[in-house]
PDB file of N, CA and C in Angstrom:
ATOM      1  N   MET A   1     -25.169  -2.239 -41.314  1.00  0.00           N
ATOM      2  CA  MET A   1     -25.914  -2.101 -40.093  1.00  0.00           C
ATOM      3  C   MET A   1     -25.117  -1.241 -39.119  1.00  0.00           C
ATOM      4  N   ARG A   2     -25.720  -0.205 -38.592  1.00  0.00           N
ATOM      5  CA  ARG A   2     -25.058   0.683 -37.641  1.00  0.00           C
ATOM      6  C   ARG A   2     -25.356   0.236 -36.219  1.00  0.00           C
ATOM      7  N   ASN A   3     -24.318   0.299 -35.410  1.00  0.00           N
ATOM      8  CA  ASN A   3     -24.502   0.032 -33.988  1.00  0.00           C
ATOM      9  C   ASN A   3     -24.808   1.348 -33.296  1.00  0.00           C
ATOM     10  N   ARG A   4     -25.876   1.380 -32.588  1.00  0.00           N
ATOM     11  CA  ARG A   4     -26.256   2.593 -31.876  1.00  0.00           C
ATOM     12  C   ARG A   4     -26.191   2.323 -30.382  1.00  0.00           C
ATOM     13  N   ILE A   5     -25.763   3.310 -29.659  1.00  0.00           N
ATOM     14  CA  ILE A   5     -25.747   3.214 -28.208  1.00  0.00           C
ATOM     15  C   ILE A   5     -27.158   3.473 -27.712  1.00  0.00           C
ATOM     16  N   LYS A   6     -27.635   2.574 -26.896  1.00  0.00           N
ATOM     17  CA  LYS A   6     -28.988   2.682 -26.363  1.00  0.00           C
ATOM     18  C   LYS A   6     -28.925   3.099 -24.896  1.00  0.00           C
ATOM     19  N   VAL A   7     -30.051   3.481 -24.362  1.00  0.00           N
ATOM     20  CA  VAL A   7     -30.138   3.945 -22.975  1.00  0.00           C
ATOM     21  C   VAL A   7     -29.642   2.856 -22.018  1.00  0.00           C
ATOM     22  N   PHE A   8     -30.011   1.620 -22.273  1.00  0.00           N
ATOM     23  CA  PHE A   8     -29.593   0.522 -21.417  1.00  0.00           C
ATOM     24  C   PHE A   8     -28.068   0.363 -21.430  1.00  0.00           C
ATOM     25  N   ASP A   9     -27.432   0.561 -22.580  1.00  0.00           N
ATOM     26  CA  ASP A   9     -25.976   0.503 -22.678  1.00  0.00           C
ATOM     27  C   ASP A   9     -25.330   1.565 -21.793  1.00  0.00           C
ATOM     28  N   ILE A  10     -25.869   2.761 -21.803  1.00  0.00           N
ATOM     29  CA  ILE A  10     -25.333   3.850 -20.986  1.00  0.00           C
ATOM     30  C   ILE A  10     -25.487   3.521 -19.502  1.00  0.00           C
ATOM     31  N   LEU A  11     -26.619   2.942 -19.119  1.00  0.00           N
ATOM     32  CA  LEU A  11     -26.827   2.561 -17.725  1.00  0.00           C
ATOM     33  C   LEU A  11     -25.832   1.506 -17.264  1.00  0.00           C
ATOM     34  N   ILE A  12     -25.540   0.551 -18.101  1.00  0.00           N
ATOM     35  CA  ILE A  12     -24.560  -0.486 -17.761  1.00  0.00           C
ATOM     36  C   ILE A  12     -23.167   0.124 -17.614  1.00  0.00           C
ATOM     37  N   ILE A  13     -22.795   1.008 -18.494  1.00  0.00           N
ATOM     38  CA  ILE A  13     -21.485   1.670 -18.406  1.00  0.00           C
ATOM     39  C   ILE A  13     -21.385   2.501 -17.133  1.00  0.00           C
ATOM     40  N   LEU A  14     -22.434   3.238 -16.802  1.00  0.00           N
ATOM     41  CA  LEU A  14     -22.431   4.039 -15.573  1.00  0.00           C
ATOM     42  C   LEU A  14     -22.355   3.160 -14.324  1.00  0.00           C
ATOM     43  N   ALA A  15     -23.082   2.064 -14.311  1.00  0.00           N
ATOM     44  CA  ALA A  15     -23.034   1.150 -13.169  1.00  0.00           C
ATOM     45  C   ALA A  15     -21.640   0.560 -12.997  1.00  0.00           C
ATOM     46  N   ALA A  16     -21.011   0.177 -14.087  1.00  0.00           N
ATOM     47  CA  ALA A  16     -19.647  -0.360 -14.018  1.00  0.00           C
ATOM     48  C   ALA A  16     -18.665   0.693 -13.508  1.00  0.00           C
ATOM     49  N   ALA A  17     -18.827   1.944 -13.941  1.00  0.00           N
ATOM     50  CA  ALA A  17     -17.944   3.019 -13.487  1.00  0.00           C
ATOM     51  C   ALA A  17     -18.118   3.284 -11.993  1.00  0.00           C
ATOM     52  N   VAL A  18     -19.362   3.257 -11.517  1.00  0.00           N
ATOM     53  CA  VAL A  18     -19.620   3.474 -10.090  1.00  0.00           C
ATOM     54  C   VAL A  18     -19.015   2.338  -9.261  1.00  0.00           C
ATOM     55  N   LEU A  19     -19.197   1.100  -9.676  1.00  0.00           N
ATOM     56  CA  LEU A  19     -18.638  -0.034  -8.946  1.00  0.00           C
ATOM     57  C   LEU A  19     -17.109  -0.003  -8.930  1.00  0.00           C
ATOM     58  N   THR A  20     -16.511   0.341 -10.043  1.00  0.00           N
ATOM     59  CA  THR A  20     -15.055   0.437 -10.117  1.00  0.00           C
ATOM     60  C   THR A  20     -14.531   1.546  -9.209  1.00  0.00           C
ATOM     61  N   SER A  21     -15.209   2.686  -9.208  1.00  0.00           N
ATOM     62  CA  SER A  21     -14.802   3.799  -8.339  1.00  0.00           C
ATOM     63  C   SER A  21     -14.920   3.418  -6.874  1.00  0.00           C
ATOM     64  N   PHE A  22     -16.000   2.753  -6.493  1.00  0.00           N
ATOM     65  CA  PHE A  22     -16.180   2.332  -5.112  1.00  0.00           C
ATOM     66  C   PHE A  22     -15.092   1.344  -4.684  1.00  0.00           C
ATOM     67  N   ALA A  23     -14.776   0.394  -5.537  1.00  0.00           N
ATOM     68  CA  ALA A  23     -13.734  -0.589  -5.215  1.00  0.00           C
ATOM     69  C   ALA A  23     -12.373   0.088  -5.059  1.00  0.00           C
ATOM     70  N   ALA A  24     -12.072   1.031  -5.934  1.00  0.00           N
ATOM     71  CA  ALA A  24     -10.797   1.753  -5.836  1.00  0.00           C
ATOM     72  C   ALA A  24     -10.738   2.572  -4.553  1.00  0.00           C
ATOM     73  N   TYR A  25     -11.843   3.199  -4.175  1.00  0.00           N
ATOM     74  CA  TYR A  25     -11.885   3.970  -2.931  1.00  0.00           C
ATOM     75  C   TYR A  25     -11.629   3.070  -1.725  1.00  0.00           C
ATOM     76  N   LYS A  26     -12.307   1.927  -1.669  1.00  0.00           N
ATOM     77  CA  LYS A  26     -12.141   1.020  -0.538  1.00  0.00           C
ATOM     78  C   LYS A  26     -10.727   0.460  -0.467  1.00  0.00           C
ATOM     79  N   ALA A  27     -10.105   0.219  -1.609  1.00  0.00           N
ATOM     80  CA  ALA A  27      -8.784  -0.398  -1.624  1.00  0.00           C
ATOM     81  C   ALA A  27      -7.655   0.591  -1.379  1.00  0.00           C
ATOM     82  N   TYR A  28      -7.789   1.819  -1.876  1.00  0.00           N
ATOM     83  CA  TYR A  28      -6.640   2.715  -1.859  1.00  0.00           C
ATOM     84  C   TYR A  28      -6.827   4.019  -1.093  1.00  0.00           C
ATOM     85  N   ILE A  29      -8.048   4.482  -0.918  1.00  0.00           N
ATOM     86  CA  ILE A  29      -8.245   5.821  -0.366  1.00  0.00           C
ATOM     87  C   ILE A  29      -8.895   5.791   1.009  1.00  0.00           C
ATOM     88  N   SER A  30      -9.738   4.818   1.298  1.00  0.00           N
ATOM     89  CA  SER A  30     -10.497   4.824   2.545  1.00  0.00           C
ATOM     90  C   SER A  30      -9.562   4.845   3.751  1.00  0.00           C
ATOM     91  N   PRO A  31     -10.023   5.409   4.863  1.00  0.00           N
ATOM     92  CA  PRO A  31      -9.185   5.489   6.055  1.00  0.00           C
ATOM     93  C   PRO A  31      -8.715   4.114   6.496  1.00  0.00           C
ATOM     94  N   GLN A  32      -7.452   4.045   6.833  1.00  0.00           N
ATOM     95  CA  GLN A  32      -6.876   2.775   7.237  1.00  0.00           C
ATOM     96  C   GLN A  32      -6.319   2.898   8.653  1.00  0.00           C
ATOM     97  N   ASP A  33      -7.158   3.450   9.557  1.00  0.00           N
ATOM     98  CA  ASP A  33      -6.727   3.712  10.926  1.00  0.00           C
ATOM     99  C   ASP A  33      -6.500   2.447  11.733  1.00  0.00           C
ATOM    100  N   ASN A  34      -7.263   1.415  11.462  1.00  0.00           N
ATOM    101  CA  ASN A  34      -7.159   0.220  12.302  1.00  0.00           C
ATOM    102  C   ASN A  34      -6.340  -0.887  11.653  1.00  0.00           C
ATOM    103  N   LEU A  35      -5.395  -0.548  10.790  1.00  0.00           N
ATOM    104  CA  LEU A  35      -4.549  -1.555  10.168  1.00  0.00           C
ATOM    105  C   LEU A  35      -3.555  -2.106  11.175  1.00  0.00           C
ATOM    106  N   ARG A  36      -3.362  -3.394  11.112  1.00  0.00           N
ATOM    107  CA  ARG A  36      -2.416  -4.081  11.987  1.00  0.00           C
ATOM    108  C   ARG A  36      -1.433  -4.879  11.142  1.00  0.00           C
ATOM    109  N   VAL A  37      -0.235  -5.032  11.681  1.00  0.00           N
ATOM    110  CA  VAL A  37       0.790  -5.874  11.072  1.00  0.00           C
ATOM    111  C   VAL A  37       0.791  -7.188  11.839  1.00  0.00           C
ATOM    112  N   PHE A  38       0.545  -8.272  11.154  1.00  0.00           N
ATOM    113  CA  PHE A  38       0.566  -9.598  11.751  1.00  0.00           C
ATOM    114  C   PHE A  38       1.849 -10.282  11.294  1.00  0.00           C
ATOM    115  N   ILE A  39       2.687 -10.653  12.246  1.00  0.00           N
ATOM    116  CA  ILE A  39       3.957 -11.321  11.950  1.00  0.00           C
ATOM    117  C   ILE A  39       3.873 -12.716  12.555  1.00  0.00           C
ATOM    118  N   ARG A  40       4.109 -13.715  11.734  1.00  0.00           N
ATOM    119  CA  ARG A  40       4.071 -15.096  12.212  1.00  0.00           C
ATOM    120  C   ARG A  40       5.383 -15.777  11.874  1.00  0.00           C
ATOM    121  N   GLY A  41       5.951 -16.374  12.896  1.00  0.00           N
ATOM    122  CA  GLY A  41       7.167 -17.155  12.729  1.00  0.00           C
ATOM    123  C   GLY A  41       6.949 -18.556  13.247  1.00  0.00           C
ATOM    124  N   GLN A  42       7.997 -19.330  13.236  1.00  0.00           N
ATOM    125  CA  GLN A  42       7.895 -20.721  13.652  1.00  0.00           C
ATOM    126  C   GLN A  42       7.574 -20.833  15.146  1.00  0.00           C
ATOM    127  N   TYR A  43       7.999 -19.855  15.936  1.00  0.00           N
ATOM    128  CA  TYR A  43       7.859 -19.961  17.391  1.00  0.00           C
ATOM    129  C   TYR A  43       6.981 -18.891  18.008  1.00  0.00           C
ATOM    130  N   GLY A  44       6.233 -18.122  17.224  1.00  0.00           N
ATOM    131  CA  GLY A  44       5.369 -17.127  17.830  1.00  0.00           C
ATOM    132  C   GLY A  44       4.690 -16.232  16.814  1.00  0.00           C
ATOM    133  N   GLU A  45       3.809 -15.385  17.351  1.00  0.00           N
ATOM    134  CA  GLU A  45       3.077 -14.422  16.534  1.00  0.00           C
ATOM    135  C   GLU A  45       3.137 -13.062  17.219  1.00  0.00           C
ATOM    136  N   TRP A  46       3.188 -11.994  16.415  1.00  0.00           N
ATOM    137  CA  TRP A  46       3.222 -10.633  16.914  1.00  0.00           C
ATOM    138  C   TRP A  46       2.209  -9.809  16.142  1.00  0.00           C
ATOM    139  N   VAL A  47       1.593  -8.853  16.841  1.00  0.00           N
ATOM    140  CA  VAL A  47       0.634  -7.951  16.202  1.00  0.00           C
ATOM    141  C   VAL A  47       1.000  -6.530  16.628  1.00  0.00           C
ATOM    142  N   TYR A  48       1.161  -5.639  15.636  1.00  0.00           N
ATOM    143  CA  TYR A  48       1.481  -4.240  15.884  1.00  0.00           C
ATOM    144  C   TYR A  48       0.595  -3.367  15.004  1.00  0.00           C
ATOM    145  N   PRO A  49       0.298  -2.151  15.450  1.00  0.00           N
ATOM    146  CA  PRO A  49      -0.346  -1.212  14.526  1.00  0.00           C
ATOM    147  C   PRO A  49       0.657  -0.814  13.444  1.00  0.00           C
ATOM    148  N   VAL A  50       0.170  -0.496  12.257  1.00  0.00           N
ATOM    149  CA  VAL A  50       1.069  -0.098  11.167  1.00  0.00           C
ATOM    150  C   VAL A  50       1.872   1.151  11.550  1.00  0.00           C
ATOM    151  N   SER A  51       1.314   1.965  12.426  1.00  0.00           N
ATOM    152  CA  SER A  51       1.976   3.200  12.828  1.00  0.00           C
ATOM    153  C   SER A  51       3.094   2.991  13.854  1.00  0.00           C
ATOM    154  N   ALA A  52       3.329   1.753  14.304  1.00  0.00           N
ATOM    155  CA  ALA A  52       4.352   1.479  15.318  1.00  0.00           C
ATOM    156  C   ALA A  52       5.757   1.628  14.746  1.00  0.00           C
ATOM    157  N   THR A  53       6.690   1.892  15.656  1.00  0.00           N
ATOM    158  CA  THR A  53       8.118   1.898  15.310  1.00  0.00           C
ATOM    159  C   THR A  53       8.777   0.813  16.151  1.00  0.00           C
ATOM    160  N   GLU A  54       9.123  -0.294  15.516  1.00  0.00           N
ATOM    161  CA  GLU A  54       9.645  -1.459  16.232  1.00  0.00           C
ATOM    162  C   GLU A  54      10.671  -2.194  15.370  1.00  0.00           C
ATOM    163  N   THR A  55      11.523  -2.942  16.048  1.00  0.00           N
ATOM    164  CA  THR A  55      12.379  -3.931  15.408  1.00  0.00           C
ATOM    165  C   THR A  55      12.058  -5.265  16.058  1.00  0.00           C
ATOM    166  N   VAL A  56      11.660  -6.236  15.249  1.00  0.00           N
ATOM    167  CA  VAL A  56      11.219  -7.528  15.769  1.00  0.00           C
ATOM    168  C   VAL A  56      12.174  -8.602  15.254  1.00  0.00           C
ATOM    169  N   PHE A  57      12.690  -9.402  16.176  1.00  0.00           N
ATOM    170  CA  PHE A  57      13.541 -10.536  15.821  1.00  0.00           C
ATOM    171  C   PHE A  57      12.666 -11.784  15.854  1.00  0.00           C
ATOM    172  N   VAL A  58      12.412 -12.342  14.681  1.00  0.00           N
ATOM    173  CA  VAL A  58      11.509 -13.483  14.557  1.00  0.00           C
ATOM    174  C   VAL A  58      12.343 -14.736  14.345  1.00  0.00           C
ATOM    175  N   LYS A  59      12.243 -15.666  15.306  1.00  0.00           N
ATOM    176  CA  LYS A  59      12.971 -16.928  15.167  1.00  0.00           C
ATOM    177  C   LYS A  59      12.264 -17.807  14.154  1.00  0.00           C
ATOM    178  N   GLY A  60      13.045 -18.330  13.239  1.00  0.00           N
ATOM    179  CA  GLY A  60      12.504 -19.203  12.217  1.00  0.00           C
ATOM    180  C   GLY A  60      13.294 -20.490  12.134  1.00  0.00           C
ATOM    181  N   ALA A  61      13.036 -21.257  11.113  1.00  0.00           N
ATOM    182  CA  ALA A  61      13.686 -22.554  10.931  1.00  0.00           C
ATOM    183  C   ALA A  61      15.187 -22.419  10.702  1.00  0.00           C
ATOM    184  N   LEU A  62      15.625 -21.316  10.082  1.00  0.00           N
ATOM    185  CA  LEU A  62      17.042 -21.124   9.763  1.00  0.00           C
ATOM    186  C   LEU A  62      17.761 -20.178  10.716  1.00  0.00           C
ATOM    187  N   GLY A  63      17.011 -19.433  11.505  1.00  0.00           N
ATOM    188  CA  GLY A  63      17.615 -18.440  12.391  1.00  0.00           C
ATOM    189  C   GLY A  63      16.682 -17.248  12.546  1.00  0.00           C
ATOM    190  N   ASP A  64      17.265 -16.090  12.865  1.00  0.00           N
ATOM    191  CA  ASP A  64      16.461 -14.886  13.107  1.00  0.00           C
ATOM    192  C   ASP A  64      16.236 -14.081  11.832  1.00  0.00           C
ATOM    193  N   THR A  65      14.973 -13.736  11.593  1.00  0.00           N
ATOM    194  CA  THR A  65      14.600 -12.778  10.561  1.00  0.00           C
ATOM    195  C   THR A  65      14.325 -11.458  11.273  1.00  0.00           C
ATOM    196  N   ILE A  66      14.938 -10.385  10.812  1.00  0.00           N
ATOM    197  CA  ILE A  66      14.747  -9.080  11.429  1.00  0.00           C
ATOM    198  C   ILE A  66      13.703  -8.319  10.631  1.00  0.00           C
ATOM    199  N   VAL A  67      12.599  -7.967  11.311  1.00  0.00           N
ATOM    200  CA  VAL A  67      11.483  -7.248  10.707  1.00  0.00           C
ATOM    201  C   VAL A  67      11.448  -5.857  11.322  1.00  0.00           C
ATOM    202  N   ARG A  68      11.338  -4.825  10.486  1.00  0.00           N
ATOM    203  CA  ARG A  68      11.304  -3.452  10.985  1.00  0.00           C
ATOM    204  C   ARG A  68       9.987  -2.772  10.610  1.00  0.00           C
ATOM    205  N   LEU A  69       9.473  -2.000  11.571  1.00  0.00           N
ATOM    206  CA  LEU A  69       8.308  -1.142  11.365  1.00  0.00           C
ATOM    207  C   LEU A  69       8.779   0.278  11.646  1.00  0.00           C
ATOM    208  N   ASP A  70       8.429   1.229  10.764  1.00  0.00           N
ATOM    209  CA  ASP A  70       8.900   2.604  10.950  1.00  0.00           C
ATOM    210  C   ASP A  70       7.772   3.631  11.034  1.00  0.00           C
ATOM    211  N   GLY A  71       6.549   3.178  11.232  1.00  0.00           N
ATOM    212  CA  GLY A  71       5.423   4.098  11.298  1.00  0.00           C
ATOM    213  C   GLY A  71       4.757   4.322   9.957  1.00  0.00           C
ATOM    214  N   ASN A  72       5.432   3.963   8.888  1.00  0.00           N
ATOM    215  CA  ASN A  72       4.880   4.110   7.535  1.00  0.00           C
ATOM    216  C   ASN A  72       4.786   2.782   6.803  1.00  0.00           C
ATOM    217  N   GLY A  73       5.146   1.708   7.452  1.00  0.00           N
ATOM    218  CA  GLY A  73       5.110   0.409   6.811  1.00  0.00           C
ATOM    219  C   GLY A  73       6.024  -0.571   7.515  1.00  0.00           C
ATOM    220  N   VAL A  74       6.168  -1.725   6.913  1.00  0.00           N
ATOM    221  CA  VAL A  74       6.963  -2.808   7.495  1.00  0.00           C
ATOM    222  C   VAL A  74       7.750  -3.495   6.386  1.00  0.00           C
ATOM    223  N   TRP A  75       8.931  -3.995   6.720  1.00  0.00           N
ATOM    224  CA  TRP A  75       9.755  -4.711   5.746  1.00  0.00           C
ATOM    225  C   TRP A  75      10.676  -5.683   6.460  1.00  0.00           C
ATOM    226  N   VAL A  76      11.206  -6.639   5.708  1.00  0.00           N
ATOM    227  CA  VAL A  76      12.208  -7.566   6.227  1.00  0.00           C
ATOM    228  C   VAL A  76      13.561  -6.902   6.024  1.00  0.00           C
ATOM    229  N   ASP A  77      14.244  -6.637   7.132  1.00  0.00           N
ATOM    230  CA  ASP A  77      15.546  -5.987   7.066  1.00  0.00           C
ATOM    231  C   ASP A  77      16.643  -6.980   6.711  1.00  0.00           C
ATOM    232  N   SER A  78      16.601  -8.133   7.331  1.00  0.00           N
ATOM    233  CA  SER A  78      17.566  -9.179   6.991  1.00  0.00           C
ATOM    234  C   SER A  78      17.005 -10.536   7.395  1.00  0.00           C
ATOM    235  N   SER A  79      17.516 -11.569   6.756  1.00  0.00           N
ATOM    236  CA  SER A  79      17.052 -12.923   7.014  1.00  0.00           C
ATOM    237  C   SER A  79      18.168 -13.905   6.703  1.00  0.00           C
ATOM    238  N   PRO A  80      18.190 -15.060   7.374  1.00  0.00           N
ATOM    239  CA  PRO A  80      19.258 -16.023   7.137  1.00  0.00           C
ATOM    240  C   PRO A  80      19.059 -16.894   5.900  1.00  0.00           C
ATOM    241  N   CYS A  81      18.010 -16.661   5.131  1.00  0.00           N
ATOM    242  CA  CYS A  81      17.779 -17.483   3.942  1.00  0.00           C
ATOM    243  C   CYS A  81      18.846 -17.189   2.881  1.00  0.00           C
ATOM    244  N   VAL A  82      18.992 -18.090   1.948  1.00  0.00           N
ATOM    245  CA  VAL A  82      20.064 -18.000   0.960  1.00  0.00           C
ATOM    246  C   VAL A  82      19.841 -16.885  -0.060  1.00  0.00           C
ATOM    247  N   ASN A  83      18.648 -16.788  -0.643  1.00  0.00           N
ATOM    248  CA  ASN A  83      18.439 -15.877  -1.767  1.00  0.00           C
ATOM    249  C   ASN A  83      18.008 -14.466  -1.386  1.00  0.00           C
ATOM    250  N   LYS A  84      17.559 -14.228  -0.156  1.00  0.00           N
ATOM    251  CA  LYS A  84      17.208 -12.893   0.364  1.00  0.00           C
ATOM    252  C   LYS A  84      16.104 -12.186  -0.425  1.00  0.00           C
ATOM    253  N   ASN A  85      15.206 -12.931  -1.053  1.00  0.00           N
ATOM    254  CA  ASN A  85      14.081 -12.318  -1.774  1.00  0.00           C
ATOM    255  C   ASN A  85      13.177 -11.519  -0.850  1.00  0.00           C
ATOM    256  N   CYS A  86      13.030 -11.979   0.374  1.00  0.00           N
ATOM    257  CA  CYS A  86      12.153 -11.284   1.325  1.00  0.00           C
ATOM    258  C   CYS A  86      12.695  -9.894   1.654  1.00  0.00           C
ATOM    259  N   ALA A  87      13.993  -9.765   1.798  1.00  0.00           N
ATOM    260  CA  ALA A  87      14.589  -8.457   2.079  1.00  0.00           C
ATOM    261  C   ALA A  87      14.538  -7.557   0.841  1.00  0.00           C
ATOM    262  N   ALA A  88      14.628  -8.142  -0.328  1.00  0.00           N
ATOM    263  CA  ALA A  88      14.584  -7.357  -1.572  1.00  0.00           C
ATOM    264  C   ALA A  88      13.160  -6.926  -1.938  1.00  0.00           C
ATOM    265  N   ALA A  89      12.151  -7.530  -1.318  1.00  0.00           N
ATOM    266  CA  ALA A  89      10.754  -7.222  -1.655  1.00  0.00           C
ATOM    267  C   ALA A  89      10.365  -5.800  -1.291  1.00  0.00           C
ATOM    268  N   GLY A  90      11.010  -5.215  -0.305  1.00  0.00           N
ATOM    269  CA  GLY A  90      10.722  -3.836   0.058  1.00  0.00           C
ATOM    270  C   GLY A  90       9.617  -3.703   1.084  1.00  0.00           C
ATOM    271  N   LYS A  91       9.159  -2.466   1.270  1.00  0.00           N
ATOM    272  CA  LYS A  91       8.204  -2.101   2.311  1.00  0.00           C
ATOM    273  C   LYS A  91       6.771  -2.362   1.864  1.00  0.00           C
ATOM    274  N   ILE A  92       5.974  -2.886   2.799  1.00  0.00           N
ATOM    275  CA  ILE A  92       4.539  -3.011   2.580  1.00  0.00           C
ATOM    276  C   ILE A  92       3.837  -2.075   3.563  1.00  0.00           C
ATOM    277  N   TYR A  93       2.692  -1.506   3.145  1.00  0.00           N
ATOM    278  CA  TYR A  93       2.048  -0.506   3.997  1.00  0.00           C
ATOM    279  C   TYR A  93       0.537  -0.429   3.800  1.00  0.00           C
ATOM    280  N   ARG A  94      -0.050  -1.218   2.931  1.00  0.00           N
ATOM    281  CA  ARG A  94      -1.492  -1.155   2.659  1.00  0.00           C
ATOM    282  C   ARG A  94      -2.182  -2.444   3.064  1.00  0.00           C
ATOM    283  N   HIS A  95      -3.476  -2.321   3.290  1.00  0.00           N
ATOM    284  CA  HIS A  95      -4.309  -3.468   3.620  1.00  0.00           C
ATOM    285  C   HIS A  95      -4.179  -4.538   2.538  1.00  0.00           C
ATOM    286  N   GLY A  96      -4.001  -5.769   2.977  1.00  0.00           N
ATOM    287  CA  GLY A  96      -3.930  -6.892   2.053  1.00  0.00           C
ATOM    288  C   GLY A  96      -2.535  -7.205   1.544  1.00  0.00           C
ATOM    289  N   GLN A  97      -1.581  -6.321   1.756  1.00  0.00           N
ATOM    290  CA  GLN A  97      -0.225  -6.610   1.300  1.00  0.00           C
ATOM    291  C   GLN A  97       0.432  -7.599   2.256  1.00  0.00           C
ATOM    292  N   TRP A  98       1.355  -8.394   1.722  1.00  0.00           N
ATOM    293  CA  TRP A  98       2.073  -9.356   2.540  1.00  0.00           C
ATOM    294  C   TRP A  98       3.454  -9.583   1.961  1.00  0.00           C
ATOM    295  N   THR A  99       4.317 -10.073   2.786  1.00  0.00           N
ATOM    296  CA  THR A  99       5.641 -10.506   2.352  1.00  0.00           C
ATOM    297  C   THR A  99       6.015 -11.705   3.210  1.00  0.00           C
ATOM    298  N   ALA A 100       6.950 -12.501   2.740  1.00  0.00           N
ATOM    299  CA  ALA A 100       7.286 -13.720   3.468  1.00  0.00           C
ATOM    300  C   ALA A 100       8.726 -14.124   3.213  1.00  0.00           C
ATOM    301  N   CYS A 101       9.311 -14.752   4.212  1.00  0.00           N
ATOM    302  CA  CYS A 101      10.578 -15.463   4.044  1.00  0.00           C
ATOM    303  C   CYS A 101      10.227 -16.933   4.195  1.00  0.00           C
ATOM    304  N   LEU A 102       9.905 -17.558   3.093  1.00  0.00           N
ATOM    305  CA  LEU A 102       9.409 -18.932   3.134  1.00  0.00           C
ATOM    306  C   LEU A 102      10.433 -19.934   3.646  1.00  0.00           C
ATOM    307  N   PRO A 103      11.722 -19.829   3.276  1.00  0.00           N
ATOM    308  CA  PRO A 103      12.677 -20.799   3.831  1.00  0.00           C
ATOM    309  C   PRO A 103      12.779 -20.727   5.353  1.00  0.00           C
ATOM    310  N   ASN A 104      12.550 -19.535   5.921  1.00  0.00           N
ATOM    311  CA  ASN A 104      12.641 -19.364   7.370  1.00  0.00           C
ATOM    312  C   ASN A 104      11.276 -19.437   8.057  1.00  0.00           C
ATOM    313  N   ASN A 105      10.216 -19.676   7.299  1.00  0.00           N
ATOM    314  CA  ASN A 105       8.863 -19.836   7.821  1.00  0.00           C
ATOM    315  C   ASN A 105       8.371 -18.585   8.559  1.00  0.00           C
ATOM    316  N   VAL A 106       8.573 -17.404   7.935  1.00  0.00           N
ATOM    317  CA  VAL A 106       8.137 -16.131   8.501  1.00  0.00           C
ATOM    318  C   VAL A 106       7.219 -15.446   7.496  1.00  0.00           C
ATOM    319  N   ILE A 107       6.035 -15.029   7.963  1.00  0.00           N
ATOM    320  CA  ILE A 107       5.073 -14.351   7.099  1.00  0.00           C
ATOM    321  C   ILE A 107       4.627 -13.057   7.768  1.00  0.00           C
ATOM    322  N   ILE A 108       4.541 -11.984   6.979  1.00  0.00           N
ATOM    323  CA  ILE A 108       4.104 -10.675   7.465  1.00  0.00           C
ATOM    324  C   ILE A 108       2.908 -10.258   6.620  1.00  0.00           C
ATOM    325  N   LEU A 109       1.830  -9.842   7.283  1.00  0.00           N
ATOM    326  CA  LEU A 109       0.590  -9.522   6.608  1.00  0.00           C
ATOM    327  C   LEU A 109      -0.001  -8.258   7.211  1.00  0.00           C
ATOM    328  N   ILE A 110      -0.551  -7.376   6.379  1.00  0.00           N
ATOM    329  CA  ILE A 110      -1.249  -6.186   6.865  1.00  0.00           C
ATOM    330  C   ILE A 110      -2.738  -6.364   6.609  1.00  0.00           C
ATOM    331  N   GLN A 111      -3.520  -6.259   7.701  1.00  0.00           N
ATOM    332  CA  GLN A 111      -4.974  -6.402   7.612  1.00  0.00           C
ATOM    333  C   GLN A 111      -5.632  -5.480   8.615  1.00  0.00           C
ATOM    334  N   ASN A 112      -6.938  -5.286   8.450  1.00  0.00           N
ATOM    335  CA  ASN A 112      -7.716  -4.584   9.462  1.00  0.00           C
ATOM    336  C   ASN A 112      -7.736  -5.434  10.724  1.00  0.00           C
ATOM    337  N   ALA A 113      -7.933  -4.793  11.857  1.00  0.00           N
ATOM    338  CA  ALA A 113      -7.795  -5.461  13.149  1.00  0.00           C
ATOM    339  C   ALA A 113      -8.646  -6.714  13.292  1.00  0.00           C
ATOM    340  N   GLY A 114      -9.877  -6.743  12.791  1.00  0.00           N
ATOM    341  CA  GLY A 114     -10.758  -7.884  12.992  1.00  0.00           C
ATOM    342  C   GLY A 114     -10.769  -8.895  11.875  1.00  0.00           C
ATOM    343  N   GLU A 115      -9.902  -8.777  10.893  1.00  0.00           N
ATOM    344  CA  GLU A 115      -9.990  -9.629   9.703  1.00  0.00           C
ATOM    345  C   GLU A 115      -9.056 -10.820   9.703  1.00  0.00           C
ATOM    346  N   ASN A 116      -8.242 -11.001  10.716  1.00  0.00           N
ATOM    347  CA  ASN A 116      -7.243 -12.066  10.681  1.00  0.00           C
ATOM    348  C   ASN A 116      -7.831 -13.382  11.181  1.00  0.00           C
ATOM    349  N   ASP A 117      -8.940 -13.803  10.585  1.00  0.00           N
ATOM    350  CA  ASP A 117      -9.615 -15.018  11.007  1.00  0.00           C
ATOM    351  C   ASP A 117      -9.088 -16.262  10.301  1.00  0.00           C
ATOM    352  N   VAL A 118      -8.461 -16.102   9.165  1.00  0.00           N
ATOM    353  CA  VAL A 118      -7.988 -17.235   8.387  1.00  0.00           C
ATOM    354  C   VAL A 118      -6.509 -17.423   8.673  1.00  0.00           C
ATOM    355  N   ASP A 119      -6.133 -18.644   8.989  1.00  0.00           N
ATOM    356  CA  ASP A 119      -4.735 -18.956   9.268  1.00  0.00           C
ATOM    357  C   ASP A 119      -3.982 -18.991   7.952  1.00  0.00           C
ATOM    358  N   ILE A 120      -2.939 -18.151   7.838  1.00  0.00           N
ATOM    359  CA  ILE A 120      -2.213 -18.079   6.577  1.00  0.00           C
ATOM    360  C   ILE A 120      -1.053 -19.074   6.525  1.00  0.00           C
ATOM    361  N   ILE A 121      -0.797 -19.759   7.636  1.00  0.00           N
ATOM    362  CA  ILE A 121       0.257 -20.760   7.653  1.00  0.00           C
ATOM    363  C   ILE A 121      -0.367 -22.110   7.964  1.00  0.00           C
ATOM    364  N   SER A 122      -0.132 -23.083   7.130  1.00  0.00           N
ATOM    365  CA  SER A 122      -0.599 -24.437   7.432  1.00  0.00           C
ATOM    366  C   SER A 122       0.376 -25.062   8.420  1.00  0.00           C
ATOM    367  N   ARG A 123      -0.164 -25.555   9.483  1.00  0.00           N
ATOM    368  CA  ARG A 123       0.720 -26.131  10.512  1.00  0.00           C
ATOM    369  C   ARG A 123       0.637 -27.631  10.489  1.00  0.00           C
TER     370      ARG A 123
END
């Protein structure tokens, strides 16, 4: 018995390709002008545009976590935690990316300006 490609099969493949292309465009290529960096620590919250150049000292449970923004992204420069995984994680710069220093209770998240409706830290 031979398997033949039918018209309906081609339509399903084309629909899947279009949906995949649209998702990739929205995730990686679409303009990200209104991206914000949300930084949450034990004693406060900060919001900056991704394009900002700042050094933020975030007080946490263990001490100060130093967060840097350079206009192209954000990263943890140093933290008082023991293993320093947060500093080794590197720079984040796209929508939906996040990094955290969990021992120091510091979380950094990049989202569009109006999307930060869900609390990412349980208090």
